[in-house]
Amino acid sequence: CKGEAYLVRYADDFVCCFQYQEDAVRFYQALKKRLAKFNLELVIDKT
């Protein structure tokens, strides 16, 4: 990440904070691939 980044999670609910929008967009794309590796997926209407 170019700037600051933080993760706050409680069980399966979490919020990620990024200083720069480009970091957030890149993370969102990587997150979907990361979760898919472990048979998990995002709830799109809540993300």
ModelCIF file with pLDDT and N, C-alpha, C, O atoms, coordinates in Angstrom:
data_MODEL
#
_entry.id   MODEL 
#
_entity.id                         1 
_entity.type                       polymer 
_entity.pdbx_number_of_molecules   1 
#
_entity_poly.entity_id                      1 
_entity_poly.type                           'polypeptide(L)' 
_entity_poly.nstd_linkage                   no 
_entity_poly.nstd_monomer                   no 
_entity_poly.pdbx_seq_one_letter_code       CKGEAYLVRYADDFVCCFQYQEDAVRFYQALKKRLAKFNLELVIDKT 
_entity_poly.pdbx_seq_one_letter_code_can   CKGEAYLVRYADDFVCCFQYQEDAVRFYQALKKRLAKFNLELVIDKT 
_entity_poly.pdbx_strand_id                 A 
#
loop_
_entity_poly_seq.entity_id 
_entity_poly_seq.num 
_entity_poly_seq.mon_id 
_entity_poly_seq.hetero 
1 1  CYS n 
1 2  LYS n 
1 3  GLY n 
1 4  GLU n 
1 5  ALA n 
1 6  TYR n 
1 7  LEU n 
1 8  VAL n 
1 9  ARG n 
1 10 TYR n 
1 11 ALA n 
1 12 ASP n 
1 13 ASP n 
1 14 PHE n 
1 15 VAL n 
1 16 CYS n 
1 17 CYS n 
1 18 PHE n 
1 19 GLN n 
1 20 TYR n 
1 21 GLN n 
1 22 GLU n 
1 23 ASP n 
1 24 ALA n 
1 25 VAL n 
1 26 ARG n 
1 27 PHE n 
1 28 TYR n 
1 29 GLN n 
1 30 ALA n 
1 31 LEU n 
1 32 LYS n 
1 33 LYS n 
1 34 ARG n 
1 35 LEU n 
1 36 ALA n 
1 37 LYS n 
1 38 PHE n 
1 39 ASN n 
1 40 LEU n 
1 41 GLU n 
1 42 LEU n 
1 43 VAL n 
1 44 ILE n 
1 45 ASP n 
1 46 LYS n 
1 47 THR n 
#
_struct_asym.id          A 
_struct_asym.entity_id   1 
#
loop_
_ma_qa_metric.id 
_ma_qa_metric.mode 
_ma_qa_metric.name 
_ma_qa_metric.software_group_id 
_ma_qa_metric.type 
1 global pLDDT . pLDDT 
2 local  pLDDT . pLDDT 
#
_ma_qa_metric_global.metric_id      1 
_ma_qa_metric_global.metric_value   94.19 
_ma_qa_metric_global.model_id       1 
_ma_qa_metric_global.ordinal_id     1 
#
loop_
_ma_qa_metric_local.label_asym_id 
_ma_qa_metric_local.label_comp_id 
_ma_qa_metric_local.label_seq_id 
_ma_qa_metric_local.metric_id 
_ma_qa_metric_local.metric_value 
_ma_qa_metric_local.model_id 
_ma_qa_metric_local.ordinal_id 
A CYS 1  2 96.00 1 1  
A LYS 2  2 95.00 1 2  
A GLY 3  2 95.00 1 3  
A GLU 4  2 96.00 1 4  
A ALA 5  2 97.00 1 5  
A TYR 6  2 97.00 1 6  
A LEU 7  2 97.00 1 7  
A VAL 8  2 97.00 1 8  
A ARG 9  2 96.00 1 9  
A TYR 10 2 93.00 1 10 
A ALA 11 2 87.00 1 11 
A ASP 12 2 88.00 1 12 
A ASP 13 2 92.00 1 13 
A PHE 14 2 95.00 1 14 
A VAL 15 2 96.00 1 15 
A CYS 16 2 96.00 1 16 
A CYS 17 2 96.00 1 17 
A PHE 18 2 97.00 1 18 
A GLN 19 2 95.00 1 19 
A TYR 20 2 95.00 1 20 
A GLN 21 2 94.00 1 21 
A GLU 22 2 96.00 1 22 
A ASP 23 2 97.00 1 23 
A ALA 24 2 97.00 1 24 
A VAL 25 2 96.00 1 25 
A ARG 26 2 96.00 1 26 
A PHE 27 2 97.00 1 27 
A TYR 28 2 96.00 1 28 
A GLN 29 2 95.00 1 29 
A ALA 30 2 96.00 1 30 
A LEU 31 2 96.00 1 31 
A LYS 32 2 95.00 1 32 
A LYS 33 2 95.00 1 33 
A ARG 34 2 96.00 1 34 
A LEU 35 2 95.00 1 35 
A ALA 36 2 95.00 1 36 
A LYS 37 2 95.00 1 37 
A PHE 38 2 93.00 1 38 
A ASN 39 2 90.00 1 39 
A LEU 40 2 91.00 1 40 
A GLU 41 2 90.00 1 41 
A LEU 42 2 91.00 1 42 
A VAL 43 2 90.00 1 43 
A ILE 44 2 89.00 1 44 
A ASP 45 2 89.00 1 45 
A LYS 46 2 88.00 1 46 
A THR 47 2 93.00 1 47 
#
loop_
_atom_site.group_PDB 
_atom_site.id 
_atom_site.type_symbol 
_atom_site.label_atom_id 
_atom_site.label_alt_id 
_atom_site.label_comp_id 
_atom_site.label_asym_id 
_atom_site.label_entity_id 
_atom_site.label_seq_id 
_atom_site.pdbx_PDB_ins_code 
_atom_site.Cartn_x 
_atom_site.Cartn_y 
_atom_site.Cartn_z 
_atom_site.occupancy 
_atom_site.B_iso_or_equiv 
_atom_site.pdbx_formal_charge 
_atom_site.auth_seq_id 
_atom_site.auth_comp_id 
_atom_site.auth_asym_id 
_atom_site.auth_atom_id 
_atom_site.pdbx_PDB_model_num 
ATOM 1   N N  . CYS A 1 1  ? 0.829   -1.200  0.000  1.00 96.00 ? 1  CYS A N  1 
ATOM 2   C CA . CYS A 1 1  ? 0.000   0.000   0.000  1.00 96.00 ? 1  CYS A CA 1 
ATOM 3   C C  . CYS A 1 1  ? 0.868   1.257   0.000  1.00 96.00 ? 1  CYS A C  1 
ATOM 4   O O  . CYS A 1 1  ? 1.903   1.302   0.665  1.00 96.00 ? 1  CYS A O  1 
ATOM 5   N N  . LYS A 1 2  ? 0.448   2.265   -0.741 1.00 95.00 ? 2  LYS A N  1 
ATOM 6   C CA . LYS A 1 2  ? 1.170   3.531   -0.784 1.00 95.00 ? 2  LYS A CA 1 
ATOM 7   C C  . LYS A 1 2  ? 1.017   4.309   0.522  1.00 95.00 ? 2  LYS A C  1 
ATOM 8   O O  . LYS A 1 2  ? 1.945   4.990   0.957  1.00 95.00 ? 2  LYS A O  1 
ATOM 9   N N  . GLY A 1 3  ? -0.164  4.202   1.144  1.00 95.00 ? 3  GLY A N  1 
ATOM 10  C CA . GLY A 1 3  ? -0.436  4.933   2.378  1.00 95.00 ? 3  GLY A CA 1 
ATOM 11  C C  . GLY A 1 3  ? -0.773  4.002   3.521  1.00 95.00 ? 3  GLY A C  1 
ATOM 12  O O  . GLY A 1 3  ? -0.471  2.809   3.488  1.00 95.00 ? 3  GLY A O  1 
ATOM 13  N N  . GLU A 1 4  ? -1.402  4.568   4.528  1.00 96.00 ? 4  GLU A N  1 
ATOM 14  C CA . GLU A 1 4  ? -1.778  3.786   5.705  1.00 96.00 ? 4  GLU A CA 1 
ATOM 15  C C  . GLU A 1 4  ? -2.930  2.837   5.374  1.00 96.00 ? 4  GLU A C  1 
ATOM 16  O O  . GLU A 1 4  ? -3.746  3.116   4.496  1.00 96.00 ? 4  GLU A O  1 
ATOM 17  N N  . ALA A 1 5  ? -2.984  1.710   6.090  1.00 97.00 ? 5  ALA A N  1 
ATOM 18  C CA . ALA A 1 5  ? -4.037  0.726   5.881  1.00 97.00 ? 5  ALA A CA 1 
ATOM 19  C C  . ALA A 1 5  ? -4.320  0.010   7.199  1.00 97.00 ? 5  ALA A C  1 
ATOM 20  O O  . ALA A 1 5  ? -3.403  -0.334  7.946  1.00 97.00 ? 5  ALA A O  1 
ATOM 21  N N  . TYR A 1 6  ? -5.602  -0.206  7.468  1.00 97.00 ? 6  TYR A N  1 
ATOM 22  C CA . TYR A 1 6  ? -5.991  -0.839  8.728  1.00 97.00 ? 6  TYR A CA 1 
ATOM 23  C C  . TYR A 1 6  ? -7.143  -1.821  8.478  1.00 97.00 ? 6  TYR A C  1 
ATOM 24  O O  . TYR A 1 6  ? -7.948  -1.648  7.563  1.00 97.00 ? 6  TYR A O  1 
ATOM 25  N N  . LEU A 1 7  ? -7.190  -2.844  9.313  1.00 97.00 ? 7  LEU A N  1 
ATOM 26  C CA . LEU A 1 7  ? -8.257  -3.843  9.262  1.00 97.00 ? 7  LEU A CA 1 
ATOM 27  C C  . LEU A 1 7  ? -8.878  -3.961  10.643 1.00 97.00 ? 7  LEU A C  1 
ATOM 28  O O  . LEU A 1 7  ? -8.166  -4.116  11.635 1.00 97.00 ? 7  LEU A O  1 
ATOM 29  N N  . VAL A 1 8  ? -10.211 -3.887  10.713 1.00 97.00 ? 8  VAL A N  1 
ATOM 30  C CA . VAL A 1 8  ? -10.952 -4.102  11.950 1.00 97.00 ? 8  VAL A CA 1 
ATOM 31  C C  . VAL A 1 8  ? -11.942 -5.229  11.684 1.00 97.00 ? 8  VAL A C  1 
ATOM 32  O O  . VAL A 1 8  ? -12.808 -5.108  10.818 1.00 97.00 ? 8  VAL A O  1 
ATOM 33  N N  . ARG A 1 9  ? -11.813 -6.325  12.429 1.00 96.00 ? 9  ARG A N  1 
ATOM 34  C CA . ARG A 1 9  ? -12.667 -7.498  12.164 1.00 96.00 ? 9  ARG A CA 1 
ATOM 35  C C  . ARG A 1 9  ? -13.292 -8.003  13.455 1.00 96.00 ? 9  ARG A C  1 
ATOM 36  O O  . ARG A 1 9  ? -12.661 -8.009  14.512 1.00 96.00 ? 9  ARG A O  1 
ATOM 37  N N  . TYR A 1 10 ? -14.554 -8.430  13.343 1.00 93.00 ? 10 TYR A N  1 
ATOM 38  C CA . TYR A 1 10 ? -15.240 -9.112  14.431 1.00 93.00 ? 10 TYR A CA 1 
ATOM 39  C C  . TYR A 1 10 ? -15.930 -10.328 13.834 1.00 93.00 ? 10 TYR A C  1 
ATOM 40  O O  . TYR A 1 10 ? -16.885 -10.192 13.070 1.00 93.00 ? 10 TYR A O  1 
ATOM 41  N N  . ALA A 1 11 ? -15.447 -11.521 14.181 1.00 87.00 ? 11 ALA A N  1 
ATOM 42  C CA . ALA A 1 11 ? -15.943 -12.761 13.571 1.00 87.00 ? 11 ALA A CA 1 
ATOM 43  C C  . ALA A 1 11 ? -15.798 -12.661 12.050 1.00 87.00 ? 11 ALA A C  1 
ATOM 44  O O  . ALA A 1 11 ? -14.678 -12.518 11.558 1.00 87.00 ? 11 ALA A O  1 
ATOM 45  N N  . ASP A 1 12 ? -16.893 -12.733 11.295 1.00 88.00 ? 12 ASP A N  1 
ATOM 46  C CA . ASP A 1 12 ? -16.779 -12.690 9.832  1.00 88.00 ? 12 ASP A CA 1 
ATOM 47  C C  . ASP A 1 12 ? -17.162 -11.332 9.263  1.00 88.00 ? 12 ASP A C  1 
ATOM 48  O O  . ASP A 1 12 ? -17.347 -11.201 8.053  1.00 88.00 ? 12 ASP A O  1 
ATOM 49  N N  . ASP A 1 13 ? -17.284 -10.332 10.109 1.00 92.00 ? 13 ASP A N  1 
ATOM 50  C CA . ASP A 1 13 ? -17.632 -8.989  9.664  1.00 92.00 ? 13 ASP A CA 1 
ATOM 51  C C  . ASP A 1 13 ? -16.412 -8.089  9.842  1.00 92.00 ? 13 ASP A C  1 
ATOM 52  O O  . ASP A 1 13 ? -15.814 -8.068  10.918 1.00 92.00 ? 13 ASP A O  1 
ATOM 53  N N  . PHE A 1 14 ? -16.037 -7.352  8.808  1.00 95.00 ? 14 PHE A N  1 
ATOM 54  C CA . PHE A 1 14 ? -14.830 -6.540  8.928  1.00 95.00 ? 14 PHE A CA 1 
ATOM 55  C C  . PHE A 1 14 ? -14.905 -5.279  8.072  1.00 95.00 ? 14 PHE A C  1 
ATOM 56  O O  . PHE A 1 14 ? -15.655 -5.197  7.099  1.00 95.00 ? 14 PHE A O  1 
ATOM 57  N N  . VAL A 1 15 ? -14.096 -4.300  8.476  1.00 96.00 ? 15 VAL A N  1 
ATOM 58  C CA . VAL A 1 15 ? -13.971 -3.025  7.770  1.00 96.00 ? 15 VAL A CA 1 
ATOM 59  C C  . VAL A 1 15 ? -12.497 -2.775  7.520  1.00 96.00 ? 15 VAL A C  1 
ATOM 60  O O  . VAL A 1 15 ? -11.670 -2.958  8.413  1.00 96.00 ? 15 VAL A O  1 
ATOM 61  N N  . CYS A 1 16 ? -12.165 -2.357  6.304  1.00 96.00 ? 16 CYS A N  1 
ATOM 62  C CA . CYS A 1 16 ? -10.786 -2.030  5.963  1.00 96.00 ? 16 CYS A CA 1 
ATOM 63  C C  . CYS A 1 16 ? -10.707 -0.538  5.621  1.00 96.00 ? 16 CYS A C  1 
ATOM 64  O O  . CYS A 1 16 ? -11.574 0.003   4.935  1.00 96.00 ? 16 CYS A O  1 
ATOM 65  N N  . CYS A 1 17 ? -9.664  0.106   6.109  1.00 96.00 ? 17 CYS A N  1 
ATOM 66  C CA . CYS A 1 17 ? -9.496  1.545   5.899  1.00 96.00 ? 17 CYS A CA 1 
ATOM 67  C C  . CYS A 1 17 ? -8.184  1.806   5.166  1.00 96.00 ? 17 CYS A C  1 
ATOM 68  O O  . CYS A 1 17 ? -7.133  1.284   5.537  1.00 96.00 ? 17 CYS A O  1 
ATOM 69  N N  . PHE A 1 18 ? -8.267  2.622   4.124  1.00 97.00 ? 18 PHE A N  1 
ATOM 70  C CA . PHE A 1 18 ? -7.078  2.938   3.328  1.00 97.00 ? 18 PHE A CA 1 
ATOM 71  C C  . PHE A 1 18 ? -6.956  4.445   3.159  1.00 97.00 ? 18 PHE A C  1 
ATOM 72  O O  . PHE A 1 18 ? -7.956  5.152   3.038  1.00 97.00 ? 18 PHE A O  1 
ATOM 73  N N  . GLN A 1 19 ? -5.747  4.916   3.153  1.00 95.00 ? 19 GLN A N  1 
ATOM 74  C CA . GLN A 1 19 ? -5.495  6.341   2.969  1.00 95.00 ? 19 GLN A CA 1 
ATOM 75  C C  . GLN A 1 19 ? -5.768  6.760   1.533  1.00 95.00 ? 19 GLN A C  1 
ATOM 76  O O  . GLN A 1 19 ? -6.245  7.865   1.277  1.00 95.00 ? 19 GLN A O  1 
ATOM 77  N N  . TYR A 1 20 ? -5.454  5.848   0.581  1.00 95.00 ? 20 TYR A N  1 
ATOM 78  C CA . TYR A 1 20 ? -5.624  6.174   -0.824 1.00 95.00 ? 20 TYR A CA 1 
ATOM 79  C C  . TYR A 1 20 ? -6.630  5.241   -1.486 1.00 95.00 ? 20 TYR A C  1 
ATOM 80  O O  . TYR A 1 20 ? -6.677  4.045   -1.199 1.00 95.00 ? 20 TYR A O  1 
ATOM 81  N N  . GLN A 1 21 ? -7.440  5.821   -2.387 1.00 94.00 ? 21 GLN A N  1 
ATOM 82  C CA . GLN A 1 21 ? -8.470  5.050   -3.071 1.00 94.00 ? 21 GLN A CA 1 
ATOM 83  C C  . GLN A 1 21 ? -7.874  3.919   -3.898 1.00 94.00 ? 21 GLN A C  1 
ATOM 84  O O  . GLN A 1 21 ? -8.434  2.823   -3.932 1.00 94.00 ? 21 GLN A O  1 
ATOM 85  N N  . GLU A 1 22 ? -6.754  4.162   -4.565 1.00 96.00 ? 22 GLU A N  1 
ATOM 86  C CA . GLU A 1 22 ? -6.167  3.125   -5.413 1.00 96.00 ? 22 GLU A CA 1 
ATOM 87  C C  . GLU A 1 22 ? -5.778  1.898   -4.598 1.00 96.00 ? 22 GLU A C  1 
ATOM 88  O O  . GLU A 1 22 ? -5.873  0.774   -5.090 1.00 96.00 ? 22 GLU A O  1 
ATOM 89  N N  . ASP A 1 23 ? -5.337  2.101   -3.349 1.00 97.00 ? 23 ASP A N  1 
ATOM 90  C CA . ASP A 1 23 ? -5.021  0.959   -2.493 1.00 97.00 ? 23 ASP A CA 1 
ATOM 91  C C  . ASP A 1 23 ? -6.281  0.168   -2.169 1.00 97.00 ? 23 ASP A C  1 
ATOM 92  O O  . ASP A 1 23 ? -6.256  -1.062  -2.135 1.00 97.00 ? 23 ASP A O  1 
ATOM 93  N N  . ALA A 1 24 ? -7.390  0.878   -1.930 1.00 97.00 ? 24 ALA A N  1 
ATOM 94  C CA . ALA A 1 24 ? -8.657  0.218   -1.606 1.00 97.00 ? 24 ALA A CA 1 
ATOM 95  C C  . ALA A 1 24 ? -9.171  -0.600  -2.788 1.00 97.00 ? 24 ALA A C  1 
ATOM 96  O O  . ALA A 1 24 ? -9.636  -1.727  -2.616 1.00 97.00 ? 24 ALA A O  1 
ATOM 97  N N  . VAL A 1 25 ? -9.086  -0.033  -3.977 1.00 96.00 ? 25 VAL A N  1 
ATOM 98  C CA . VAL A 1 25 ? -9.559  -0.734  -5.178 1.00 96.00 ? 25 VAL A CA 1 
ATOM 99  C C  . VAL A 1 25 ? -8.720  -1.969  -5.444 1.00 96.00 ? 25 VAL A C  1 
ATOM 100 O O  . VAL A 1 25 ? -9.256  -3.034  -5.754 1.00 96.00 ? 25 VAL A O  1 
ATOM 101 N N  . ARG A 1 26 ? -7.412  -1.833  -5.325 1.00 96.00 ? 26 ARG A N  1 
ATOM 102 C CA . ARG A 1 26 ? -6.519  -2.972  -5.554 1.00 96.00 ? 26 ARG A CA 1 
ATOM 103 C C  . ARG A 1 26 ? -6.759  -4.078  -4.512 1.00 96.00 ? 26 ARG A C  1 
ATOM 104 O O  . ARG A 1 26 ? -6.747  -5.266  -4.836 1.00 96.00 ? 26 ARG A O  1 
ATOM 105 N N  . PHE A 1 27 ? -6.972  -3.669  -3.285 1.00 97.00 ? 27 PHE A N  1 
ATOM 106 C CA . PHE A 1 27 ? -7.235  -4.648  -2.227 1.00 97.00 ? 27 PHE A CA 1 
ATOM 107 C C  . PHE A 1 27 ? -8.551  -5.373  -2.470 1.00 97.00 ? 27 PHE A C  1 
ATOM 108 O O  . PHE A 1 27 ? -8.632  -6.585  -2.271 1.00 97.00 ? 27 PHE A O  1 
ATOM 109 N N  . TYR A 1 28 ? -9.583  -4.651  -2.899 1.00 96.00 ? 28 TYR A N  1 
ATOM 110 C CA . TYR A 1 28 ? -10.889 -5.268  -3.130 1.00 96.00 ? 28 TYR A CA 1 
ATOM 111 C C  . TYR A 1 28 ? -10.800 -6.387  -4.167 1.00 96.00 ? 28 TYR A C  1 
ATOM 112 O O  . TYR A 1 28 ? -11.403 -7.446  -3.998 1.00 96.00 ? 28 TYR A O  1 
ATOM 113 N N  . GLN A 1 29 ? -10.053 -6.150  -5.227 1.00 95.00 ? 29 GLN A N  1 
ATOM 114 C CA . GLN A 1 29 ? -9.883  -7.174  -6.255 1.00 95.00 ? 29 GLN A CA 1 
ATOM 115 C C  . GLN A 1 29 ? -9.077  -8.358  -5.724 1.00 95.00 ? 29 GLN A C  1 
ATOM 116 O O  . GLN A 1 29 ? -9.396  -9.512  -6.011 1.00 95.00 ? 29 GLN A O  1 
ATOM 117 N N  . ALA A 1 30 ? -8.038  -8.068  -4.953 1.00 96.00 ? 30 ALA A N  1 
ATOM 118 C CA . ALA A 1 30 ? -7.210  -9.141  -4.401 1.00 96.00 ? 30 ALA A CA 1 
ATOM 119 C C  . ALA A 1 30 ? -7.970  -9.936  -3.347 1.00 96.00 ? 30 ALA A C  1 
ATOM 120 O O  . ALA A 1 30 ? -7.761  -11.140 -3.203 1.00 96.00 ? 30 ALA A O  1 
ATOM 121 N N  . LEU A 1 31 ? -8.850  -9.264  -2.611 1.00 96.00 ? 31 LEU A N  1 
ATOM 122 C CA . LEU A 1 31 ? -9.603  -9.923  -1.546 1.00 96.00 ? 31 LEU A CA 1 
ATOM 123 C C  . LEU A 1 31 ? -10.509 -11.014 -2.101 1.00 96.00 ? 31 LEU A C  1 
ATOM 124 O O  . LEU A 1 31 ? -10.591 -12.103 -1.533 1.00 96.00 ? 31 LEU A O  1 
ATOM 125 N N  . LYS A 1 32 ? -11.182 -10.731 -3.195 1.00 95.00 ? 32 LYS A N  1 
ATOM 126 C CA . LYS A 1 32 ? -12.081 -11.731 -3.785 1.00 95.00 ? 32 LYS A CA 1 
ATOM 127 C C  . LYS A 1 32 ? -11.309 -12.984 -4.183 1.00 95.00 ? 32 LYS A C  1 
ATOM 128 O O  . LYS A 1 32 ? -11.782 -14.101 -3.979 1.00 95.00 ? 32 LYS A O  1 
ATOM 129 N N  . LYS A 1 33 ? -10.127 -12.797 -4.747 1.00 95.00 ? 33 LYS A N  1 
ATOM 130 C CA . LYS A 1 33 ? -9.304  -13.943 -5.148 1.00 95.00 ? 33 LYS A CA 1 
ATOM 131 C C  . LYS A 1 33 ? -8.776  -14.697 -3.933 1.00 95.00 ? 33 LYS A C  1 
ATOM 132 O O  . LYS A 1 33 ? -8.725  -15.926 -3.922 1.00 95.00 ? 33 LYS A O  1 
ATOM 133 N N  . ARG A 1 34 ? -8.382  -13.934 -2.905 1.00 96.00 ? 34 ARG A N  1 
ATOM 134 C CA . ARG A 1 34 ? -7.861  -14.548 -1.691 1.00 96.00 ? 34 ARG A CA 1 
ATOM 135 C C  . ARG A 1 34 ? -8.925  -15.416 -1.028 1.00 96.00 ? 34 ARG A C  1 
ATOM 136 O O  . ARG A 1 34 ? -8.639  -16.554 -0.655 1.00 96.00 ? 34 ARG A O  1 
ATOM 137 N N  . LEU A 1 35 ? -10.129 -14.912 -0.874 1.00 95.00 ? 35 LEU A N  1 
ATOM 138 C CA . LEU A 1 35 ? -11.193 -15.675 -0.231 1.00 95.00 ? 35 LEU A CA 1 
ATOM 139 C C  . LEU A 1 35 ? -11.584 -16.895 -1.037 1.00 95.00 ? 35 LEU A C  1 
ATOM 140 O O  . LEU A 1 35 ? -11.902 -17.941 -0.472 1.00 95.00 ? 35 LEU A O  1 
ATOM 141 N N  . ALA A 1 36 ? -11.563 -16.770 -2.359 1.00 95.00 ? 36 ALA A N  1 
ATOM 142 C CA . ALA A 1 36 ? -11.936 -17.893 -3.225 1.00 95.00 ? 36 ALA A CA 1 
ATOM 143 C C  . ALA A 1 36 ? -11.012 -19.089 -3.019 1.00 95.00 ? 36 ALA A C  1 
ATOM 144 O O  . ALA A 1 36 ? -11.439 -20.235 -3.154 1.00 95.00 ? 36 ALA A O  1 
ATOM 145 N N  . LYS A 1 37 ? -9.757  -18.829 -2.694 1.00 95.00 ? 37 LYS A N  1 
ATOM 146 C CA . LYS A 1 37 ? -8.804  -19.916 -2.454 1.00 95.00 ? 37 LYS A CA 1 
ATOM 147 C C  . LYS A 1 37 ? -9.213  -20.774 -1.257 1.00 95.00 ? 37 LYS A C  1 
ATOM 148 O O  . LYS A 1 37 ? -8.824  -21.938 -1.153 1.00 95.00 ? 37 LYS A O  1 
ATOM 149 N N  . PHE A 1 38 ? -9.994  -20.191 -0.364 1.00 93.00 ? 38 PHE A N  1 
ATOM 150 C CA . PHE A 1 38 ? -10.396 -20.906 0.855  1.00 93.00 ? 38 PHE A CA 1 
ATOM 151 C C  . PHE A 1 38 ? -11.898 -21.179 0.885  1.00 93.00 ? 38 PHE A C  1 
ATOM 152 O O  . PHE A 1 38 ? -12.503 -21.325 1.947  1.00 93.00 ? 38 PHE A O  1 
ATOM 153 N N  . ASN A 1 39 ? -12.485 -21.244 -0.321 1.00 90.00 ? 39 ASN A N  1 
ATOM 154 C CA . ASN A 1 39 ? -13.914 -21.542 -0.470 1.00 90.00 ? 39 ASN A CA 1 
ATOM 155 C C  . ASN A 1 39 ? -14.804 -20.540 0.269  1.00 90.00 ? 39 ASN A C  1 
ATOM 156 O O  . ASN A 1 39 ? -15.838 -20.906 0.828  1.00 90.00 ? 39 ASN A O  1 
ATOM 157 N N  . LEU A 1 40 ? -14.389 -19.279 0.263  1.00 91.00 ? 40 LEU A N  1 
ATOM 158 C CA . LEU A 1 40 ? -15.179 -18.205 0.853  1.00 91.00 ? 40 LEU A CA 1 
ATOM 159 C C  . LEU A 1 40 ? -15.483 -17.163 -0.215 1.00 91.00 ? 40 LEU A C  1 
ATOM 160 O O  . LEU A 1 40 ? -14.794 -17.083 -1.232 1.00 91.00 ? 40 LEU A O  1 
ATOM 161 N N  . GLU A 1 41 ? -16.516 -16.370 0.024  1.00 90.00 ? 41 GLU A N  1 
ATOM 162 C CA . GLU A 1 41 ? -16.840 -15.293 -0.915 1.00 90.00 ? 41 GLU A CA 1 
ATOM 163 C C  . GLU A 1 41 ? -17.487 -14.135 -0.170 1.00 90.00 ? 41 GLU A C  1 
ATOM 164 O O  . GLU A 1 41 ? -18.073 -14.314 0.898  1.00 90.00 ? 41 GLU A O  1 
ATOM 165 N N  . LEU A 1 42 ? -17.373 -12.963 -0.742 1.00 91.00 ? 42 LEU A N  1 
ATOM 166 C CA . LEU A 1 42 ? -17.971 -11.772 -0.156 1.00 91.00 ? 42 LEU A CA 1 
ATOM 167 C C  . LEU A 1 42 ? -19.475 -11.737 -0.399 1.00 91.00 ? 42 LEU A C  1 
ATOM 168 O O  . LEU A 1 42 ? -19.961 -12.235 -1.414 1.00 91.00 ? 42 LEU A O  1 
ATOM 169 N N  . VAL A 1 43 ? -20.199 -11.149 0.535  1.00 90.00 ? 43 VAL A N  1 
ATOM 170 C CA . VAL A 1 43 ? -21.614 -10.851 0.302  1.00 90.00 ? 43 VAL A CA 1 
ATOM 171 C C  . VAL A 1 43 ? -21.637 -9.517  -0.441 1.00 90.00 ? 43 VAL A C  1 
ATOM 172 O O  . VAL A 1 43 ? -21.462 -8.459  0.163  1.00 90.00 ? 43 VAL A O  1 
ATOM 173 N N  . ILE A 1 44 ? -21.853 -9.578  -1.736 1.00 89.00 ? 44 ILE A N  1 
ATOM 174 C CA . ILE A 1 44 ? -21.679 -8.409  -2.601 1.00 89.00 ? 44 ILE A CA 1 
ATOM 175 C C  . ILE A 1 44 ? -22.551 -7.237  -2.193 1.00 89.00 ? 44 ILE A C  1 
ATOM 176 O O  . ILE A 1 44 ? -22.091 -6.096  -2.213 1.00 89.00 ? 44 ILE A O  1 
ATOM 177 N N  . ASP A 1 45 ? -23.807 -7.493  -1.821 1.00 89.00 ? 45 ASP A N  1 
ATOM 178 C CA . ASP A 1 45 ? -24.697 -6.371  -1.483 1.00 89.00 ? 45 ASP A CA 1 
ATOM 179 C C  . ASP A 1 45 ? -24.356 -5.740  -0.135 1.00 89.00 ? 45 ASP A C  1 
ATOM 180 O O  . ASP A 1 45 ? -24.939 -4.723  0.240  1.00 89.00 ? 45 ASP A O  1 
ATOM 181 N N  . LYS A 1 46 ? -23.412 -6.340  0.594  1.00 88.00 ? 46 LYS A N  1 
ATOM 182 C CA . LYS A 1 46 ? -22.974 -5.761  1.860  1.00 88.00 ? 46 LYS A CA 1 
ATOM 183 C C  . LYS A 1 46 ? -21.524 -5.295  1.790  1.00 88.00 ? 46 LYS A C  1 
ATOM 184 O O  . LYS A 1 46 ? -20.920 -4.958  2.808  1.00 88.00 ? 46 LYS A O  1 
ATOM 185 N N  . THR A 1 47 ? -20.978 -5.279  0.587  1.00 93.00 ? 47 THR A N  1 
ATOM 186 C CA . THR A 1 47 ? -19.575 -4.912  0.399  1.00 93.00 ? 47 THR A CA 1 
ATOM 187 C C  . THR A 1 47 ? -19.480 -3.743  -0.569 1.00 93.00 ? 47 THR A C  1 
ATOM 188 O O  . THR A 1 47 ? -18.381 -3.276  -0.867 1.00 93.00 ? 47 THR A O  1 
#
